[in-house]
Amino acid sequence: MQVALTLTPTEMLFRLYRLRWCAVTAALLIIGVVHFVLKVDFAYHPLLGLVSALTAWNLLVGLRLRRNWATTELEGFAHLAIDTLALSALLYWGGGSTSPF
């Protein structure tokens, strides 16, 4: 028997919001370990800038979720696209296929 999990766009956006905090935390931990423990030298400024931008974006999303505004599927898609671009940029600036990300 299959059970279909259906989420409203607002519930999906809230889950993305929480997952984005996990991604930001993981990225900061990885950057810290690579820099302080492994002593690997690569461009940290673009990585920290991307993580900062993603953090700022998520703070705005948190404020948006506190409002009682309708959420559309298009907005959810836009959030997924932003996350994909941000995580792809982290992979690129982190060293590509040999990246710790």
Protein backbone atom coordinates (compact mmCIF):
# COMPACT_ATOMS: atom_id res chain seq x y z
CA MET A 1 0.00 0.00 0.00
CA GLN A 2 1.38 3.40 -0.97
CA VAL A 3 0.76 6.50 1.04
CA ALA A 4 0.99 9.76 -0.84
CA LEU A 5 2.55 12.62 1.07
CA THR A 6 0.96 15.83 -0.02
CA LEU A 7 2.26 19.13 1.23
CA THR A 8 0.78 22.53 0.75
CA PRO A 9 3.13 25.07 -0.84
CA THR A 10 3.50 26.80 2.55
CA GLU A 11 4.47 23.52 4.26
CA MET A 12 6.97 22.84 1.48
CA LEU A 13 8.46 26.32 1.86
CA PHE A 14 8.80 25.82 5.62
CA ARG A 15 10.62 22.53 5.05
CA LEU A 16 12.94 24.20 2.56
CA TYR A 17 13.56 26.92 5.13
CA ARG A 18 14.63 24.35 7.74
CA LEU A 19 16.71 22.36 5.23
CA ARG A 20 18.47 25.55 4.13
CA TRP A 21 19.54 26.15 7.75
CA CYS A 22 20.96 22.63 7.76
CA ALA A 23 22.83 23.35 4.52
CA VAL A 24 24.23 26.65 5.86
CA THR A 25 25.36 24.98 9.09
CA ALA A 26 26.95 22.08 7.23
CA ALA A 27 28.75 24.44 4.83
CA LEU A 28 30.15 26.49 7.70
CA LEU A 29 31.29 23.36 9.53
CA ILE A 30 32.98 21.99 6.41
CA ILE A 31 34.68 25.32 5.68
CA GLY A 32 35.90 25.46 9.28
CA VAL A 33 37.22 21.90 9.27
CA VAL A 34 38.93 22.30 5.90
CA HIS A 35 40.54 25.59 6.94
CA PHE A 36 41.46 24.98 10.59
CA VAL A 37 41.93 21.21 10.77
CA LEU A 38 43.02 20.10 7.31
CA LYS A 39 44.86 23.38 6.56
CA VAL A 40 43.80 23.31 2.90
CA ASP A 41 44.41 26.58 1.07
CA PHE A 42 41.69 27.71 -1.34
CA ALA A 43 39.39 30.69 -1.91
CA TYR A 44 37.48 31.07 1.35
CA HIS A 45 36.09 34.55 0.68
CA PRO A 46 33.72 33.49 -2.14
CA LEU A 47 32.56 30.53 -0.06
CA LEU A 48 31.87 32.65 3.00
CA GLY A 49 30.18 35.25 0.80
CA LEU A 50 27.88 32.61 -0.68
CA VAL A 51 27.05 31.20 2.74
CA SER A 52 26.38 34.73 4.01
CA ALA A 53 24.08 35.43 1.06
CA LEU A 54 22.23 32.16 1.65
CA THR A 55 21.91 33.02 5.34
CA ALA A 56 20.52 36.48 4.53
CA TRP A 57 18.09 34.94 2.04
CA ASN A 58 16.90 32.45 4.63
CA LEU A 59 16.39 35.19 7.21
CA LEU A 60 14.16 36.97 4.69
CA VAL A 61 12.30 33.73 4.02
CA GLY A 62 11.79 33.33 7.78
CA LEU A 63 10.25 36.79 7.95
CA ARG A 64 8.08 35.95 4.94
CA LEU A 65 6.85 32.76 6.58
CA ARG A 66 5.70 34.71 9.63
CA ARG A 67 3.27 36.63 7.43
CA ASN A 68 -0.02 35.11 6.46
CA TRP A 69 0.62 35.39 2.72
CA ALA A 70 -0.39 32.73 0.25
CA THR A 71 2.45 30.61 -1.10
CA THR A 72 2.39 29.41 -4.69
CA GLU A 73 4.07 26.47 -6.33
CA LEU A 74 5.99 28.92 -8.51
CA GLU A 75 7.47 30.49 -5.39
CA GLY A 76 8.50 27.04 -4.17
CA PHE A 77 10.16 26.38 -7.51
CA ALA A 78 12.03 29.68 -7.27
CA HIS A 79 13.33 28.70 -3.83
CA LEU A 80 14.53 25.34 -5.16
CA ALA A 81 16.25 27.12 -8.06
CA ILE A 82 18.02 29.52 -5.68
CA ASP A 83 19.16 26.63 -3.49
CA THR A 84 20.45 24.72 -6.52
CA LEU A 85 22.38 27.74 -7.78
CA ALA A 86 23.84 28.49 -4.35
CA LEU A 87 24.93 24.91 -3.69
CA SER A 88 26.35 24.63 -7.21
CA ALA A 89 28.35 27.82 -6.64
CA LEU A 90 29.63 26.39 -3.34
CA LEU A 91 30.75 23.29 -5.19
CA TYR A 92 32.44 25.38 -7.89
CA TRP A 93 34.30 27.71 -5.51
CA GLY A 94 35.12 24.82 -3.19
CA GLY A 95 37.23 23.06 -5.80
CA GLY A 96 34.85 21.37 -8.20
CA SER A 97 34.79 17.59 -8.24
CA THR A 98 37.57 17.38 -5.63
CA SER A 99 35.60 19.66 -3.31
CA PRO A 100 34.98 18.75 0.35
CA PHE A 101 31.38 19.82 -0.29
